[in-house]
Amino acid sequence: MSEKKDHVADAPGKGKTFLPPLDFSSIVALLYIPAKIKLGLLNDPAKNAPDIDLPQARRLIDLLDLLADRTKGRLEPEEEKFLEFVLSELKMQYLEKTETVKL
């Protein structure tokens, strides 16, 4: 399953479109981007506006923590560093948001 996939796909009615590579960072991004949206740090693309939902953000962070625990010792060094960075960033941003909410 480690074979590289073609990064260009047919888009209906639009010809070829670029797709990011299929790798570990793609899996992390599936949880990272929605967490940033639920923290209100990125606009929800469907609404083009913030969509703050701190319990949902916490759940996404917890899922990334679970992924880190389950893959410990089995990642490439750069993958492990990336996951650690993403987790520490999201946890700090979550703490900033929850402290702001409690004031």
PDB file of N, CA and C in Angstrom:
ATOM      1  N   MET A   1       0.814  -1.195   0.000  1.00  0.00           N
ATOM      2  CA  MET A   1       0.000   0.000   0.000  1.00  0.00           C
ATOM      3  C   MET A   1       0.857   1.258   0.000  1.00  0.00           C
ATOM      4  N   SER A   2       2.176   1.088  -0.050  1.00  0.00           N
ATOM      5  CA  SER A   2       3.058   2.240  -0.023  1.00  0.00           C
ATOM      6  C   SER A   2       3.342   2.796  -1.407  1.00  0.00           C
ATOM      7  N   GLU A   3       2.703   2.253  -2.443  1.00  0.00           N
ATOM      8  CA  GLU A   3       2.935   2.766  -3.781  1.00  0.00           C
ATOM      9  C   GLU A   3       2.353   4.167  -3.892  1.00  0.00           C
ATOM     10  N   LYS A   4       3.050   5.018  -4.634  1.00  0.00           N
ATOM     11  CA  LYS A   4       2.604   6.398  -4.807  1.00  0.00           C
ATOM     12  C   LYS A   4       1.466   6.446  -5.814  1.00  0.00           C
ATOM     13  N   LYS A   5       0.463   7.215  -5.497  1.00  0.00           N
ATOM     14  CA  LYS A   5      -0.673   7.386  -6.384  1.00  0.00           C
ATOM     15  C   LYS A   5      -0.431   8.601  -7.272  1.00  0.00           C
ATOM     16  N   ASP A   6      -1.059   8.605  -8.431  1.00  0.00           N
ATOM     17  CA  ASP A   6      -1.000   9.744  -9.325  1.00  0.00           C
ATOM     18  C   ASP A   6      -1.685  10.924  -8.637  1.00  0.00           C
ATOM     19  N   HIS A   7      -1.085  12.099  -8.718  1.00  0.00           N
ATOM     20  CA  HIS A   7      -1.605  13.265  -8.013  1.00  0.00           C
ATOM     21  C   HIS A   7      -2.488  14.147  -8.888  1.00  0.00           C
ATOM     22  N   VAL A   8      -2.907  13.622 -10.015  1.00  0.00           N
ATOM     23  CA  VAL A   8      -3.804  14.347 -10.900  1.00  0.00           C
ATOM     24  C   VAL A   8      -5.000  13.448 -11.158  1.00  0.00           C
ATOM     25  N   ALA A   9      -6.186  14.014 -11.016  1.00  0.00           N
ATOM     26  CA  ALA A   9      -7.406  13.224 -11.204  1.00  0.00           C
ATOM     27  C   ALA A   9      -8.359  13.972 -12.121  1.00  0.00           C
ATOM     28  N   ASP A  10      -9.271  13.229 -12.705  1.00  0.00           N
ATOM     29  CA  ASP A  10     -10.294  13.849 -13.540  1.00  0.00           C
ATOM     30  C   ASP A  10     -11.352  14.476 -12.648  1.00  0.00           C
ATOM     31  N   ALA A  11     -11.633  15.737 -12.895  1.00  0.00           N
ATOM     32  CA  ALA A  11     -12.715  16.424 -12.197  1.00  0.00           C
ATOM     33  C   ALA A  11     -13.883  16.509 -13.176  1.00  0.00           C
ATOM     34  N   PRO A  12     -15.074  16.124 -12.742  1.00  0.00           N
ATOM     35  CA  PRO A  12     -16.220  16.136 -13.656  1.00  0.00           C
ATOM     36  C   PRO A  12     -16.409  17.508 -14.300  1.00  0.00           C
ATOM     37  N   GLY A  13     -16.329  17.534 -15.621  1.00  0.00           N
ATOM     38  CA  GLY A  13     -16.567  18.769 -16.361  1.00  0.00           C
ATOM     39  C   GLY A  13     -15.444  19.778 -16.297  1.00  0.00           C
ATOM     40  N   LYS A  14     -14.337  19.467 -15.648  1.00  0.00           N
ATOM     41  CA  LYS A  14     -13.274  20.454 -15.482  1.00  0.00           C
ATOM     42  C   LYS A  14     -11.912  19.945 -15.924  1.00  0.00           C
ATOM     43  N   GLY A  15     -11.823  18.744 -16.433  1.00  0.00           N
ATOM     44  CA  GLY A  15     -10.528  18.220 -16.842  1.00  0.00           C
ATOM     45  C   GLY A  15      -9.728  17.743 -15.651  1.00  0.00           C
ATOM     46  N   LYS A  16      -8.427  17.981 -15.697  1.00  0.00           N
ATOM     47  CA  LYS A  16      -7.528  17.501 -14.636  1.00  0.00           C
ATOM     48  C   LYS A  16      -7.482  18.493 -13.471  1.00  0.00           C
ATOM     49  N   THR A  17      -7.352  17.963 -12.267  1.00  0.00           N
ATOM     50  CA  THR A  17      -7.212  18.790 -11.068  1.00  0.00           C
ATOM     51  C   THR A  17      -6.121  18.192 -10.198  1.00  0.00           C
ATOM     52  N   PHE A  18      -5.413  19.030  -9.456  1.00  0.00           N
ATOM     53  CA  PHE A  18      -4.329  18.572  -8.586  1.00  0.00           C
ATOM     54  C   PHE A  18      -4.896  17.972  -7.309  1.00  0.00           C
ATOM     55  N   LEU A  19      -4.336  16.844  -6.894  1.00  0.00           N
ATOM     56  CA  LEU A  19      -4.670  16.224  -5.614  1.00  0.00           C
ATOM     57  C   LEU A  19      -3.387  16.109  -4.806  1.00  0.00           C
ATOM     58  N   PRO A  20      -3.435  16.418  -3.510  1.00  0.00           N
ATOM     59  CA  PRO A  20      -2.227  16.273  -2.693  1.00  0.00           C
ATOM     60  C   PRO A  20      -1.813  14.808  -2.600  1.00  0.00           C
ATOM     61  N   PRO A  21      -0.544  14.558  -2.284  1.00  0.00           N
ATOM     62  CA  PRO A  21      -0.085  13.169  -2.183  1.00  0.00           C
ATOM     63  C   PRO A  21      -0.805  12.420  -1.065  1.00  0.00           C
ATOM     64  N   LEU A  22      -0.929  11.116  -1.236  1.00  0.00           N
ATOM     65  CA  LEU A  22      -1.523  10.266  -0.211  1.00  0.00           C
ATOM     66  C   LEU A  22      -0.412   9.816   0.722  1.00  0.00           C
ATOM     67  N   ASP A  23      -0.351  10.443   1.887  1.00  0.00           N
ATOM     68  CA  ASP A  23       0.669  10.089   2.864  1.00  0.00           C
ATOM     69  C   ASP A  23       0.125  10.343   4.268  1.00  0.00           C
ATOM     70  N   PHE A  24       0.949  10.139   5.271  1.00  0.00           N
ATOM     71  CA  PHE A  24       0.502  10.272   6.656  1.00  0.00           C
ATOM     72  C   PHE A  24      -0.010  11.681   6.954  1.00  0.00           C
ATOM     73  N   SER A  25       0.644  12.693   6.391  1.00  0.00           N
ATOM     74  CA  SER A  25       0.209  14.067   6.649  1.00  0.00           C
ATOM     75  C   SER A  25      -1.205  14.314   6.128  1.00  0.00           C
ATOM     76  N   SER A  26      -1.620  13.586   5.096  1.00  0.00           N
ATOM     77  CA  SER A  26      -2.992  13.714   4.592  1.00  0.00           C
ATOM     78  C   SER A  26      -4.002  13.240   5.631  1.00  0.00           C
ATOM     79  N   ILE A  27      -3.661  12.185   6.350  1.00  0.00           N
ATOM     80  CA  ILE A  27      -4.541  11.671   7.406  1.00  0.00           C
ATOM     81  C   ILE A  27      -4.628  12.685   8.542  1.00  0.00           C
ATOM     82  N   VAL A  28      -3.486  13.231   8.928  1.00  0.00           N
ATOM     83  CA  VAL A  28      -3.458  14.231   9.999  1.00  0.00           C
ATOM     84  C   VAL A  28      -4.283  15.454   9.594  1.00  0.00           C
ATOM     85  N   ALA A  29      -4.150  15.878   8.347  1.00  0.00           N
ATOM     86  CA  ALA A  29      -4.881  17.052   7.866  1.00  0.00           C
ATOM     87  C   ALA A  29      -6.390  16.852   7.919  1.00  0.00           C
ATOM     88  N   LEU A  30      -6.853  15.603   7.764  1.00  0.00           N
ATOM     89  CA  LEU A  30      -8.287  15.322   7.837  1.00  0.00           C
ATOM     90  C   LEU A  30      -8.872  15.663   9.205  1.00  0.00           C
ATOM     91  N   LEU A  31      -8.046  15.682  10.236  1.00  0.00           N
ATOM     92  CA  LEU A  31      -8.492  16.043  11.580  1.00  0.00           C
ATOM     93  C   LEU A  31      -8.043  17.455  11.961  1.00  0.00           C
ATOM     94  N   TYR A  32      -6.886  17.864  11.460  1.00  0.00           N
ATOM     95  CA  TYR A  32      -6.301  19.161  11.806  1.00  0.00           C
ATOM     96  C   TYR A  32      -7.139  20.332  11.287  1.00  0.00           C
ATOM     97  N   ILE A  33      -7.481  20.314  10.015  1.00  0.00           N
ATOM     98  CA  ILE A  33      -8.222  21.430   9.417  1.00  0.00           C
ATOM     99  C   ILE A  33      -9.594  21.601  10.078  1.00  0.00           C
ATOM    100  N   PRO A  34     -10.391  20.540  10.244  1.00  0.00           N
ATOM    101  CA  PRO A  34     -11.670  20.724  10.948  1.00  0.00           C
ATOM    102  C   PRO A  34     -11.491  21.210  12.394  1.00  0.00           C
ATOM    103  N   ALA A  35     -10.423  20.785  13.061  1.00  0.00           N
ATOM    104  CA  ALA A  35     -10.172  21.266  14.425  1.00  0.00           C
ATOM    105  C   ALA A  35      -9.929  22.771  14.414  1.00  0.00           C
ATOM    106  N   LYS A  36      -9.155  23.259  13.442  1.00  0.00           N
ATOM    107  CA  LYS A  36      -8.906  24.704  13.324  1.00  0.00           C
ATOM    108  C   LYS A  36     -10.211  25.446  13.049  1.00  0.00           C
ATOM    109  N   ILE A  37     -11.078  24.845  12.244  1.00  0.00           N
ATOM    110  CA  ILE A  37     -12.373  25.465  11.954  1.00  0.00           C
ATOM    111  C   ILE A  37     -13.213  25.527  13.224  1.00  0.00           C
ATOM    112  N   LYS A  38     -13.280  24.429  13.966  1.00  0.00           N
ATOM    113  CA  LYS A  38     -14.102  24.387  15.181  1.00  0.00           C
ATOM    114  C   LYS A  38     -13.529  25.264  16.295  1.00  0.00           C
ATOM    115  N   LEU A  39     -12.239  25.565  16.235  1.00  0.00           N
ATOM    116  CA  LEU A  39     -11.640  26.512  17.178  1.00  0.00           C
ATOM    117  C   LEU A  39     -11.895  27.958  16.748  1.00  0.00           C
ATOM    118  N   GLY A  40     -12.467  28.138  15.564  1.00  0.00           N
ATOM    119  CA  GLY A  40     -12.751  29.473  15.054  1.00  0.00           C
ATOM    120  C   GLY A  40     -11.542  30.151  14.436  1.00  0.00           C
ATOM    121  N   LEU A  41     -10.505  29.382  14.139  1.00  0.00           N
ATOM    122  CA  LEU A  41      -9.274  29.942  13.589  1.00  0.00           C
ATOM    123  C   LEU A  41      -9.275  29.959  12.066  1.00  0.00           C
ATOM    124  N   LEU A  42     -10.156  29.197  11.470  1.00  0.00           N
ATOM    125  CA  LEU A  42     -10.377  29.200  10.023  1.00  0.00           C
ATOM    126  C   LEU A  42     -11.874  29.300   9.786  1.00  0.00           C
ATOM    127  N   ASN A  43     -12.250  29.936   8.697  1.00  0.00           N
ATOM    128  CA  ASN A  43     -13.663  29.978   8.342  1.00  0.00           C
ATOM    129  C   ASN A  43     -14.123  28.613   7.861  1.00  0.00           C
ATOM    130  N   ASP A  44     -15.353  28.269   8.205  1.00  0.00           N
ATOM    131  CA  ASP A  44     -15.980  27.067   7.661  1.00  0.00           C
ATOM    132  C   ASP A  44     -16.239  27.342   6.184  1.00  0.00           C
ATOM    133  N   PRO A  45     -15.663  26.549   5.284  1.00  0.00           N
ATOM    134  CA  PRO A  45     -15.839  26.831   3.856  1.00  0.00           C
ATOM    135  C   PRO A  45     -17.294  26.769   3.391  1.00  0.00           C
ATOM    136  N   ALA A  46     -18.124  25.996   4.050  1.00  0.00           N
ATOM    137  CA  ALA A  46     -19.535  25.905   3.663  1.00  0.00           C
ATOM    138  C   ALA A  46     -20.296  27.180   4.017  1.00  0.00           C
ATOM    139  N   LYS A  47     -19.857  27.866   5.074  1.00  0.00           N
ATOM    140  CA  LYS A  47     -20.546  29.071   5.543  1.00  0.00           C
ATOM    141  C   LYS A  47     -19.770  30.343   5.245  1.00  0.00           C
ATOM    142  N   ASN A  48     -18.497  30.187   4.887  1.00  0.00           N
ATOM    143  CA  ASN A  48     -17.578  31.307   4.722  1.00  0.00           C
ATOM    144  C   ASN A  48     -17.596  32.204   5.956  1.00  0.00           C
ATOM    145  N   ALA A  49     -17.675  31.563   7.112  1.00  0.00           N
ATOM    146  CA  ALA A  49     -17.713  32.265   8.390  1.00  0.00           C
ATOM    147  C   ALA A  49     -17.180  31.323   9.465  1.00  0.00           C
ATOM    148  N   PRO A  50     -16.785  31.876  10.612  1.00  0.00           N
ATOM    149  CA  PRO A  50     -16.342  31.009  11.715  1.00  0.00           C
ATOM    150  C   PRO A  50     -17.465  30.085  12.177  1.00  0.00           C
ATOM    151  N   ASP A  51     -17.080  28.917  12.667  1.00  0.00           N
ATOM    152  CA  ASP A  51     -18.039  27.934  13.185  1.00  0.00           C
ATOM    153  C   ASP A  51     -17.434  27.344  14.457  1.00  0.00           C
ATOM    154  N   ILE A  52     -17.457  28.115  15.531  1.00  0.00           N
ATOM    155  CA  ILE A  52     -16.810  27.701  16.776  1.00  0.00           C
ATOM    156  C   ILE A  52     -17.664  26.653  17.485  1.00  0.00           C
ATOM    157  N   ASP A  53     -17.033  25.528  17.783  1.00  0.00           N
ATOM    158  CA  ASP A  53     -17.660  24.429  18.512  1.00  0.00           C
ATOM    159  C   ASP A  53     -16.545  23.766  19.315  1.00  0.00           C
ATOM    160  N   LEU A  54     -16.304  24.283  20.521  1.00  0.00           N
ATOM    161  CA  LEU A  54     -15.165  23.824  21.318  1.00  0.00           C
ATOM    162  C   LEU A  54     -15.239  22.353  21.709  1.00  0.00           C
ATOM    163  N   PRO A  55     -16.401  21.805  22.068  1.00  0.00           N
ATOM    164  CA  PRO A  55     -16.433  20.360  22.350  1.00  0.00           C
ATOM    165  C   PRO A  55     -16.038  19.516  21.130  1.00  0.00           C
ATOM    166  N   GLN A  56     -16.469  19.936  19.946  1.00  0.00           N
ATOM    167  CA  GLN A  56     -16.096  19.207  18.731  1.00  0.00           C
ATOM    168  C   GLN A  56     -14.602  19.370  18.449  1.00  0.00           C
ATOM    169  N   ALA A  57     -14.065  20.557  18.686  1.00  0.00           N
ATOM    170  CA  ALA A  57     -12.622  20.777  18.517  1.00  0.00           C
ATOM    171  C   ALA A  57     -11.848  19.861  19.453  1.00  0.00           C
ATOM    172  N   ARG A  58     -12.299  19.758  20.700  1.00  0.00           N
ATOM    173  CA  ARG A  58     -11.635  18.887  21.673  1.00  0.00           C
ATOM    174  C   ARG A  58     -11.665  17.428  21.212  1.00  0.00           C
ATOM    175  N   ARG A  59     -12.773  17.012  20.652  1.00  0.00           N
ATOM    176  CA  ARG A  59     -12.888  15.629  20.159  1.00  0.00           C
ATOM    177  C   ARG A  59     -11.897  15.365  19.027  1.00  0.00           C
ATOM    178  N   LEU A  60     -11.752  16.308  18.124  1.00  0.00           N
ATOM    179  CA  LEU A  60     -10.802  16.156  17.021  1.00  0.00           C
ATOM    180  C   LEU A  60      -9.367  16.104  17.540  1.00  0.00           C
ATOM    181  N   ILE A  61      -9.060  16.920  18.544  1.00  0.00           N
ATOM    182  CA  ILE A  61      -7.731  16.892  19.161  1.00  0.00           C
ATOM    183  C   ILE A  61      -7.509  15.546  19.839  1.00  0.00           C
ATOM    184  N   ASP A  62      -8.524  15.052  20.528  1.00  0.00           N
ATOM    185  CA  ASP A  62      -8.418  13.735  21.174  1.00  0.00           C
ATOM    186  C   ASP A  62      -8.193  12.624  20.142  1.00  0.00           C
ATOM    187  N   LEU A  63      -8.829  12.734  18.980  1.00  0.00           N
ATOM    188  CA  LEU A  63      -8.614  11.743  17.920  1.00  0.00           C
ATOM    189  C   LEU A  63      -7.172  11.789  17.409  1.00  0.00           C
ATOM    190  N   LEU A  64      -6.608  12.986  17.299  1.00  0.00           N
ATOM    191  CA  LEU A  64      -5.202  13.101  16.903  1.00  0.00           C
ATOM    192  C   LEU A  64      -4.294  12.510  17.971  1.00  0.00           C
ATOM    193  N   ASP A  65      -4.647  12.713  19.245  1.00  0.00           N
ATOM    194  CA  ASP A  65      -3.893  12.091  20.342  1.00  0.00           C
ATOM    195  C   ASP A  65      -3.950  10.566  20.242  1.00  0.00           C
ATOM    196  N   LEU A  66      -5.120  10.043  19.947  1.00  0.00           N
ATOM    197  CA  LEU A  66      -5.290   8.599  19.776  1.00  0.00           C
ATOM    198  C   LEU A  66      -4.432   8.093  18.615  1.00  0.00           C
ATOM    199  N   LEU A  67      -4.438   8.826  17.525  1.00  0.00           N
ATOM    200  CA  LEU A  67      -3.611   8.464  16.373  1.00  0.00           C
ATOM    201  C   LEU A  67      -2.133   8.452  16.759  1.00  0.00           C
ATOM    202  N   ALA A  68      -1.706   9.445  17.530  1.00  0.00           N
ATOM    203  CA  ALA A  68      -0.311   9.501  17.980  1.00  0.00           C
ATOM    204  C   ALA A  68       0.021   8.295  18.852  1.00  0.00           C
ATOM    205  N   ASP A  69      -0.878   7.957  19.770  1.00  0.00           N
ATOM    206  CA  ASP A  69      -0.649   6.799  20.647  1.00  0.00           C
ATOM    207  C   ASP A  69      -0.572   5.498  19.850  1.00  0.00           C
ATOM    208  N   ARG A  70      -1.479   5.326  18.899  1.00  0.00           N
ATOM    209  CA  ARG A  70      -1.553   4.070  18.147  1.00  0.00           C
ATOM    210  C   ARG A  70      -0.426   3.903  17.128  1.00  0.00           C
ATOM    211  N   THR A  71       0.205   5.017  16.742  1.00  0.00           N
ATOM    212  CA  THR A  71       1.278   4.927  15.744  1.00  0.00           C
ATOM    213  C   THR A  71       2.661   5.120  16.362  1.00  0.00           C
ATOM    214  N   LYS A  72       2.718   5.264  17.678  1.00  0.00           N
ATOM    215  CA  LYS A  72       3.996   5.501  18.366  1.00  0.00           C
ATOM    216  C   LYS A  72       5.010   4.414  18.006  1.00  0.00           C
ATOM    217  N   GLY A  73       6.202   4.863  17.590  1.00  0.00           N
ATOM    218  CA  GLY A  73       7.270   3.948  17.230  1.00  0.00           C
ATOM    219  C   GLY A  73       7.172   3.380  15.821  1.00  0.00           C
ATOM    220  N   ARG A  74       6.121   3.740  15.093  1.00  0.00           N
ATOM    221  CA  ARG A  74       5.939   3.190  13.744  1.00  0.00           C
ATOM    222  C   ARG A  74       5.946   4.263  12.665  1.00  0.00           C
ATOM    223  N   LEU A  75       6.232   5.505  13.051  1.00  0.00           N
ATOM    224  CA  LEU A  75       6.239   6.601  12.085  1.00  0.00           C
ATOM    225  C   LEU A  75       7.664   6.951  11.684  1.00  0.00           C
ATOM    226  N   GLU A  76       7.788   7.556  10.524  1.00  0.00           N
ATOM    227  CA  GLU A  76       9.064   8.133  10.120  1.00  0.00           C
ATOM    228  C   GLU A  76       9.315   9.341  11.025  1.00  0.00           C
ATOM    229  N   PRO A  77      10.572   9.707  11.269  1.00  0.00           N
ATOM    230  CA  PRO A  77      10.860  10.837  12.162  1.00  0.00           C
ATOM    231  C   PRO A  77      10.135  12.125  11.774  1.00  0.00           C
ATOM    232  N   GLU A  78      10.077  12.434  10.480  1.00  0.00           N
ATOM    233  CA  GLU A  78       9.407  13.675  10.067  1.00  0.00           C
ATOM    234  C   GLU A  78       7.895  13.590  10.286  1.00  0.00           C
ATOM    235  N   GLU A  79       7.317  12.407  10.150  1.00  0.00           N
ATOM    236  CA  GLU A  79       5.887  12.229  10.413  1.00  0.00           C
ATOM    237  C   GLU A  79       5.593  12.425  11.896  1.00  0.00           C
ATOM    238  N   GLU A  80       6.442  11.860  12.742  1.00  0.00           N
ATOM    239  CA  GLU A  80       6.262  12.001  14.185  1.00  0.00           C
ATOM    240  C   GLU A  80       6.388  13.459  14.615  1.00  0.00           C
ATOM    241  N   LYS A  81       7.378  14.167  14.072  1.00  0.00           N
ATOM    242  CA  LYS A  81       7.555  15.590  14.401  1.00  0.00           C
ATOM    243  C   LYS A  81       6.356  16.406  13.946  1.00  0.00           C
ATOM    244  N   PHE A  82       5.845  16.103  12.760  1.00  0.00           N
ATOM    245  CA  PHE A  82       4.683  16.817  12.241  1.00  0.00           C
ATOM    246  C   PHE A  82       3.473  16.614  13.142  1.00  0.00           C
ATOM    247  N   LEU A  83       3.218  15.382  13.529  1.00  0.00           N
ATOM    248  CA  LEU A  83       2.080  15.079  14.394  1.00  0.00           C
ATOM    249  C   LEU A  83       2.242  15.745  15.759  1.00  0.00           C
ATOM    250  N   GLU A  84       3.440  15.715  16.317  1.00  0.00           N
ATOM    251  CA  GLU A  84       3.700  16.379  17.598  1.00  0.00           C
ATOM    252  C   GLU A  84       3.467  17.881  17.491  1.00  0.00           C
ATOM    253  N   PHE A  85       3.926  18.488  16.391  1.00  0.00           N
ATOM    254  CA  PHE A  85       3.731  19.921  16.177  1.00  0.00           C
ATOM    255  C   PHE A  85       2.246  20.263  16.098  1.00  0.00           C
ATOM    256  N   VAL A  86       1.515  19.505  15.280  1.00  0.00           N
ATOM    257  CA  VAL A  86       0.080  19.741  15.106  1.00  0.00           C
ATOM    258  C   VAL A  86      -0.644  19.627  16.444  1.00  0.00           C
ATOM    259  N   LEU A  87      -0.338  18.590  17.199  1.00  0.00           N
ATOM    260  CA  LEU A  87      -0.992  18.394  18.496  1.00  0.00           C
ATOM    261  C   LEU A  87      -0.672  19.519  19.467  1.00  0.00           C
ATOM    262  N   SER A  88       0.587  19.909  19.558  1.00  0.00           N
ATOM    263  CA  SER A  88       0.941  20.970  20.508  1.00  0.00           C
ATOM    264  C   SER A  88       0.302  22.292  20.096  1.00  0.00           C
ATOM    265  N   GLU A  89       0.273  22.570  18.803  1.00  0.00           N
ATOM    266  CA  GLU A  89      -0.361  23.801  18.319  1.00  0.00           C
ATOM    267  C   GLU A  89      -1.847  23.816  18.656  1.00  0.00           C
ATOM    268  N   LEU A  90      -2.548  22.735  18.323  1.00  0.00           N
ATOM    269  CA  LEU A  90      -3.989  22.680  18.576  1.00  0.00           C
ATOM    270  C   LEU A  90      -4.307  22.734  20.069  1.00  0.00           C
ATOM    271  N   LYS A  91      -3.512  22.061  20.883  1.00  0.00           N
ATOM    272  CA  LYS A  91      -3.760  22.074  22.329  1.00  0.00           C
ATOM    273  C   LYS A  91      -3.570  23.474  22.906  1.00  0.00           C
ATOM    274  N   MET A  92      -2.540  24.181  22.456  1.00  0.00           N
ATOM    275  CA  MET A  92      -2.322  25.552  22.931  1.00  0.00           C
ATOM    276  C   MET A  92      -3.469  26.460  22.485  1.00  0.00           C
ATOM    277  N   GLN A  93      -3.897  26.322  21.245  1.00  0.00           N
ATOM    278  CA  GLN A  93      -4.994  27.141  20.740  1.00  0.00           C
ATOM    279  C   GLN A  93      -6.299  26.812  21.454  1.00  0.00           C
ATOM    280  N   TYR A  94      -6.518  25.555  21.763  1.00  0.00           N
ATOM    281  CA  TYR A  94      -7.713  25.156  22.511  1.00  0.00           C
ATOM    282  C   TYR A  94      -7.688  25.780  23.903  1.00  0.00           C
ATOM    283  N   LEU A  95      -6.536  25.710  24.572  1.00  0.00           N
ATOM    284  CA  LEU A  95      -6.418  26.308  25.903  1.00  0.00           C
ATOM    285  C   LEU A  95      -6.655  27.810  25.858  1.00  0.00           C
ATOM    286  N   GLU A  96      -6.112  28.470  24.846  1.00  0.00           N
ATOM    287  CA  GLU A  96      -6.347  29.910  24.703  1.00  0.00           C
ATOM    288  C   GLU A  96      -7.830  30.201  24.543  1.00  0.00           C
ATOM    289  N   LYS A  97      -8.514  29.421  23.743  1.00  0.00           N
ATOM    290  CA  LYS A  97      -9.953  29.629  23.517  1.00  0.00           C
ATOM    291  C   LYS A  97     -10.768  29.338  24.774  1.00  0.00           C
ATOM    292  N   THR A  98     -10.443  28.265  25.477  1.00  0.00           N
ATOM    293  CA  THR A  98     -11.241  27.920  26.658  1.00  0.00           C
ATOM    294  C   THR A  98     -10.977  28.893  27.794  1.00  0.00           C
ATOM    295  N   GLU A  99      -9.764  29.394  27.908  1.00  0.00           N
ATOM    296  CA  GLU A  99      -9.483  30.407  28.929  1.00  0.00           C
ATOM    297  C   GLU A  99     -10.215  31.698  28.595  1.00  0.00           C
ATOM    298  N   THR A 100     -10.300  32.045  27.309  1.00  0.00           N
ATOM    299  CA  THR A 100     -11.020  33.237  26.879  1.00  0.00           C
ATOM    300  C   THR A 100     -12.499  33.095  27.188  1.00  0.00           C
ATOM    301  N   VAL A 101     -13.039  31.909  26.946  1.00  0.00           N
ATOM    302  CA  VAL A 101     -14.457  31.663  27.181  1.00  0.00           C
ATOM    303  C   VAL A 101     -14.776  31.755  28.668  1.00  0.00           C
ATOM    304  N   LYS A 102     -13.864  31.296  29.531  1.00  0.00           N
ATOM    305  CA  LYS A 102     -14.126  31.276  30.971  1.00  0.00           C
ATOM    306  C   LYS A 102     -14.057  32.659  31.616  1.00  0.00           C
ATOM    307  N   LEU A 103     -13.409  33.630  30.958  1.00  0.00           N
ATOM    308  CA  LEU A 103     -13.247  34.958  31.570  1.00  0.00           C
ATOM    309  C   LEU A 103     -14.531  35.668  31.758  1.00  0.00           C
TER     310      LEU A 103
END
